Every structure is written in structure tokens, then in C-alpha cells.
Amino acid sequence: EIFDFLTFDPETVKSYEIGYKGSLADGRVRLAVTAFRADYNDVQIPGSVGVDNNGDGIFETFAGITTNASKARLQGVEIESFTKLAQDFAGDGSALTFNGTLGYIDGKYLRFINNLGVDVANFRRIQNTPKWTASATLAASIPVGSGSINAQTTLSYRSKTNQFETPSPYLDQKGYSLLDASIVWNSDDDRFSLGIFGKNLTDKQYKTSGYQFIAVNPTTGAPILTGTGNVTPSLGQ
């Protein structure tokens, strides 16, 4: 019966976009703003189901499947900016710059019929699509010897992210920020470079992927707890 899950409909989308790109303050500031909307039909949803290999009534393993949600809509705005804060402040060719990005996505299912024939769109979320993303990079370039030193630091942010279309208190990642930094010397002919790079300097721990196999409410997706407050496994015993 697992083969019944292996057929699904093609996903289609109609997308619309409008934007602006320009420079200000004699070219010291560059700005790009984009507004977009995407209307999806038959959204393909990757997931998994338990598989009873030997007919004993227990799911011993699981298989990847793809299902379709009827309709979904994503719309939002993206902003990118570049600003030259200072020029030649520490010798000819030196520069201090700032790069910033800001993204907002309002993504939602408009119609999502589950296998019980119930529209669960209000209880589902678009996977791996944080509502807010942002980054800020401050960079400096200073001539040194026969080359230049380029130093920069970047602070980035992602708001809450759902691993799957069904929210999970065990898998979903709350909003978090990451701090990176680097300092690199480049020769004038670009043949040599020497640098130090730091990633996630605040040692932030965050979830990137995971699966759960527990009994949940088929409509809301909320875990079904036992009388003692424990979850009920849906894979094996």
C-alpha cells in the first residue's frame, strides 16, 4: 500500500514581482527594493509515513512521501542597501562600507485537505520559510604594504522556522542571530591572501533538521499526550 503514496500532482506557480534599483548621495548609497507575490497550486509537500514491513501492526521503518496541498500564497518584500560611509580615511584607497538586507515573507496555505477530507490550512505552515530575515555587514579596507587589509563583521537574523508544514514544539527553531567576522590581507596583484575567519562567534546552537514519529491530532498537528504527560510513539514500540 505504500505505493499509493508515490503518486502526486505537478506543482504550478504564478509569480509577480516589482522593484526599484537606484543610487543616492552621488553614488555613495545604492538601494534595491523588491515586492513579490507567488500563487501556488498543488503545492508538493515532502514528508514520511510509517511502514509495517511484516504485517504485525507495528511500523518498523518509514518511507519518504510527497503529497499535495491545494493552494498556497507567498508574498513579501526584500530590501538590499550598500552605503560607503568613508573614503580615503586611512590612506588612498581605504574605505568603510555598510551592507544591509531585510526580508519579509508572508507565506500561508489557503487550502490544504488532509486524508480525512478536512481543510487544515489554518493549522499548517510553509516549511523552512522564516517570516523575517536580516543581515548587517560593516567592512573596512586599508592599504598595508603591497596589499590591503579587509576586515568585516556580519550579524544575521532569522525568525522562527518550521521544519515541516505541521508545527512541532520539538523540531521548530525559534528566532536566532549569528555573528561572523573575518580579517584578510590581499596582495595588490590578487595572487596571495592570508586571512582569519570566524563563524558563529557567539556559539549559538540551533536546529537544522529532524524528524518526529509521535501520535498527533490529525487536524491541528498537536502532540497527543498520555495521562502522565508523555508523547506516544508512532514508530515501533
Protein backbone atom coordinates (compact mmCIF):
# COMPACT_ATOMS: atom_id res chain seq x y z
CA GLU A 1 0.00 0.00 0.00
CA ILE A 2 2.99 2.28 0.28
CA PHE A 3 2.90 2.68 -3.49
CA ASP A 4 -0.34 4.64 -3.13
CA PHE A 5 1.77 7.43 -1.63
CA LEU A 6 4.19 7.60 -4.54
CA THR A 7 1.88 9.44 -6.95
CA PHE A 8 1.30 13.18 -6.70
CA ASP A 9 0.33 16.09 -8.92
CA PRO A 10 2.69 18.63 -10.52
CA GLU A 11 3.15 21.91 -8.67
CA THR A 12 2.42 25.15 -10.51
CA VAL A 13 3.01 28.77 -9.56
CA LYS A 14 2.15 32.21 -10.91
CA SER A 15 4.65 34.79 -9.69
CA TYR A 16 4.63 38.58 -9.81
CA GLU A 17 7.43 40.99 -8.97
CA ILE A 18 8.00 44.71 -8.99
CA GLY A 19 11.09 46.54 -7.83
CA TYR A 20 13.34 49.56 -7.77
CA LYS A 21 17.11 49.94 -8.06
CA GLY A 22 18.92 53.22 -7.77
CA SER A 23 21.75 55.23 -6.26
CA LEU A 24 21.67 58.23 -3.98
CA ALA A 25 24.09 60.74 -2.48
CA ASP A 26 26.35 60.89 -5.52
CA GLY A 27 26.56 57.11 -5.70
CA ARG A 28 27.59 56.58 -2.09
CA VAL A 29 24.30 54.82 -1.39
CA ARG A 30 22.79 52.04 -3.51
CA LEU A 31 19.32 50.71 -2.82
CA ALA A 32 17.24 47.87 -4.21
CA VAL A 33 13.65 47.17 -3.17
CA THR A 34 11.57 44.26 -4.49
CA ALA A 35 7.96 43.33 -3.76
CA PHE A 36 6.77 39.89 -4.85
CA ARG A 37 3.87 37.51 -4.76
CA ALA A 38 3.59 33.85 -5.72
CA ASP A 39 0.31 31.91 -6.03
CA TYR A 40 0.83 28.14 -5.82
CA ASN A 41 -1.47 25.30 -6.83
CA ASP A 42 -0.97 21.66 -5.82
CA VAL A 43 1.98 22.50 -3.59
CA GLN A 44 4.22 19.47 -3.24
CA ILE A 45 4.78 18.61 0.44
CA PRO A 46 7.63 16.21 1.31
CA GLY A 47 7.07 14.03 4.37
CA SER A 48 7.22 10.49 5.68
CA VAL A 49 4.92 7.69 6.82
CA GLY A 50 5.46 4.63 8.98
CA VAL A 51 5.72 1.29 7.18
CA ASP A 52 4.64 -2.10 8.58
CA ASN A 53 7.08 -4.46 6.88
CA ASN A 54 5.80 -7.77 8.26
CA GLY A 55 2.10 -7.15 8.94
CA ASP A 56 2.36 -7.27 12.73
CA GLY A 57 0.61 -3.94 13.16
CA ILE A 58 3.79 -2.09 14.16
CA PHE A 59 5.61 0.41 11.98
CA GLU A 60 9.19 -0.84 11.86
CA THR A 61 10.53 1.80 9.49
CA PHE A 62 9.39 4.79 7.48
CA ALA A 63 9.30 5.88 3.87
CA GLY A 64 9.55 9.30 2.26
CA ILE A 65 6.39 10.51 0.51
CA THR A 66 5.14 13.57 -1.34
CA THR A 67 1.60 14.89 -1.01
CA ASN A 68 -0.18 17.93 -2.44
CA ALA A 69 -1.71 20.95 -0.72
CA SER A 70 -4.32 22.63 -2.91
CA LYS A 71 -3.36 26.30 -2.66
CA ALA A 72 -0.71 28.48 -1.06
CA ARG A 73 0.42 32.09 -1.28
CA LEU A 74 3.76 33.72 -0.55
CA GLN A 75 4.18 37.47 -0.68
CA GLY A 76 6.65 39.90 0.76
CA VAL A 77 9.37 42.48 0.35
CA GLU A 78 13.16 42.32 0.04
CA ILE A 79 15.44 45.32 0.64
CA GLU A 80 19.17 45.50 -0.06
CA SER A 81 21.38 48.51 0.60
CA PHE A 82 25.03 49.48 0.27
CA THR A 83 26.49 52.61 1.82
CA LYS A 84 30.03 53.97 1.56
CA LEU A 85 30.48 55.54 4.98
CA ALA A 86 34.01 56.87 4.46
CA GLN A 87 36.59 57.07 1.67
CA ASP A 88 40.38 57.51 1.93
CA PHE A 89 40.14 57.92 5.70
CA ALA A 90 43.32 55.91 6.30
CA GLY A 91 45.28 56.44 3.10
CA ASP A 92 44.40 56.37 -0.57
CA GLY A 93 42.03 53.54 -1.38
CA SER A 94 40.81 52.98 2.15
CA ALA A 95 37.07 52.65 2.63
CA LEU A 96 34.46 51.97 5.27
CA THR A 97 31.21 50.44 4.00
CA PHE A 98 27.92 49.06 5.27
CA ASN A 99 25.74 46.41 3.63
CA GLY A 100 22.25 45.68 4.89
CA THR A 101 19.46 43.32 3.88
CA LEU A 102 15.93 42.91 5.15
CA GLY A 103 13.38 40.35 4.01
CA TYR A 104 9.74 39.78 4.93
CA ILE A 105 7.66 36.84 3.69
CA ASP A 106 4.02 36.24 4.49
CA GLY A 107 3.53 32.61 3.49
CA LYS A 108 0.36 30.65 4.14
CA TYR A 109 -1.69 27.75 2.87
CA LEU A 110 -5.08 28.84 1.57
CA ARG A 111 -6.47 25.32 1.13
CA PHE A 112 -4.98 22.08 2.45
CA ILE A 113 -7.22 18.98 2.53
CA ASN A 114 -5.81 16.15 4.65
CA ASN A 115 -6.52 12.45 4.19
CA LEU A 116 -9.66 12.77 6.35
CA GLY A 117 -11.15 15.32 3.99
CA VAL A 118 -10.64 18.22 6.43
CA ASP A 119 -9.24 21.61 5.37
CA VAL A 120 -6.31 22.08 7.76
CA ALA A 121 -4.82 25.18 6.09
CA ASN A 122 -5.12 27.26 9.29
CA PHE A 123 -3.00 24.71 11.17
CA ARG A 124 -0.20 24.32 8.63
CA ARG A 125 2.91 26.42 7.95
CA ILE A 126 5.24 26.86 4.97
CA GLN A 127 8.38 24.82 5.60
CA ASN A 128 11.76 26.47 6.20
CA THR A 129 10.38 29.94 5.48
CA PRO A 130 11.05 32.42 8.29
CA LYS A 131 8.84 35.48 8.22
CA TRP A 132 11.79 37.81 8.83
CA THR A 133 15.42 37.68 7.73
CA ALA A 134 18.01 40.40 8.10
CA SER A 135 21.75 40.97 7.93
CA ALA A 136 24.15 43.84 8.56
CA THR A 137 27.79 43.88 7.44
CA LEU A 138 30.33 46.52 8.41
CA ALA A 139 33.55 46.33 6.38
CA ALA A 140 36.79 48.28 6.25
CA SER A 141 39.61 48.18 3.69
CA ILE A 142 43.01 49.73 4.49
CA PRO A 143 46.16 49.70 2.31
CA VAL A 144 49.04 47.89 4.02
CA GLY A 145 52.41 47.30 2.36
CA SER A 146 51.99 45.79 -1.09
CA GLY A 147 48.38 44.94 -0.48
CA SER A 148 45.37 45.77 1.66
CA ILE A 149 43.71 44.50 4.80
CA ASN A 150 39.99 43.86 4.57
CA ALA A 151 38.10 43.36 7.83
CA GLN A 152 34.39 42.80 8.20
CA THR A 153 31.79 41.58 10.64
CA THR A 154 28.27 40.35 9.86
CA LEU A 155 25.27 39.96 12.13
CA SER A 156 22.43 37.94 10.61
CA TYR A 157 18.96 37.07 11.91
CA ARG A 158 16.24 34.54 11.08
CA SER A 159 12.85 34.49 12.78
CA LYS A 160 11.04 31.31 13.79
CA THR A 161 11.34 28.46 11.28
CA ASN A 162 9.09 25.40 10.93
CA GLN A 163 10.84 22.20 9.87
CA PHE A 164 7.67 20.78 8.32
CA GLU A 165 4.22 22.02 7.36
CA THR A 166 2.88 20.81 10.72
CA PRO A 167 4.24 22.90 13.62
CA SER A 168 6.21 20.92 16.19
CA PRO A 169 7.32 22.08 19.66
CA TYR A 170 10.24 19.64 19.38
CA LEU A 171 11.57 20.46 15.90
CA ASP A 172 10.73 24.09 15.16
CA GLN A 173 13.53 26.62 15.67
CA LYS A 174 12.87 29.93 17.40
CA GLY A 175 14.36 33.10 16.00
CA TYR A 176 18.12 33.48 16.41
CA SER A 177 21.11 35.57 15.36
CA LEU A 178 24.59 34.60 14.16
CA LEU A 179 27.77 36.67 14.32
CA ASP A 180 30.62 36.16 11.84
CA ALA A 181 33.84 38.11 11.31
CA SER A 182 36.98 37.98 9.19
CA ILE A 183 40.22 39.83 8.54
CA VAL A 184 42.13 39.16 5.32
CA TRP A 185 45.25 40.57 3.71
CA ASN A 186 45.25 40.54 -0.12
CA SER A 187 48.24 41.32 -2.30
CA ASP A 188 47.82 44.07 -4.89
CA ASP A 189 48.04 41.55 -7.74
CA ASP A 190 45.48 39.26 -6.03
CA ARG A 191 47.92 36.33 -6.22
CA PHE A 192 48.16 35.89 -2.45
CA SER A 193 45.87 36.26 0.52
CA LEU A 194 46.13 35.45 4.20
CA GLY A 195 43.16 35.60 6.49
CA ILE A 196 41.37 34.55 9.65
CA PHE A 197 37.66 33.73 9.54
CA GLY A 198 35.28 33.30 12.45
CA LYS A 199 31.85 31.71 12.10
CA ASN A 200 29.11 31.76 14.74
CA LEU A 201 31.34 33.58 17.21
CA THR A 202 28.68 33.54 19.94
CA ASP A 203 28.49 29.72 19.68
CA LYS A 204 24.75 29.76 19.06
CA GLN A 205 23.16 26.30 18.94
CA TYR A 206 20.23 25.92 16.57
CA LYS A 207 18.29 23.14 14.85
CA THR A 208 18.82 22.46 11.17
CA SER A 209 16.79 19.27 10.61
CA GLY A 210 14.96 16.48 12.38
CA TYR A 211 12.03 14.09 12.36
CA GLN A 212 9.39 13.13 14.90
CA PHE A 213 7.34 9.95 14.98
CA ILE A 214 4.67 10.51 17.62
CA ALA A 215 0.88 10.45 17.66
CA VAL A 216 -0.59 13.86 16.80
CA ASN A 217 -4.01 15.34 16.29
CA PRO A 218 -4.69 14.84 12.54
CA THR A 219 -6.18 18.31 12.21
CA THR A 220 -4.10 20.59 14.43
CA GLY A 221 -0.90 18.51 14.44
CA ALA A 222 -0.58 18.96 18.22
CA PRO A 223 1.11 16.02 20.02
CA ILE A 224 -1.30 13.64 21.75
CA LEU A 225 -0.03 13.19 25.31
CA THR A 226 -0.67 10.35 27.73
CA GLY A 227 -2.18 10.85 31.17
CA THR A 228 1.33 11.28 32.55
CA GLY A 229 2.21 13.96 30.00
CA ASN A 230 4.37 11.78 27.75
CA VAL A 231 4.17 11.52 23.98
CA THR A 232 3.01 8.36 22.25
CA PRO A 233 5.48 6.83 19.75
CA SER A 234 4.10 6.07 16.30
CA LEU A 235 7.15 4.15 15.05
CA GLY A 236 7.98 0.88 16.77
CA GLN A 237 7.22 0.42 20.48
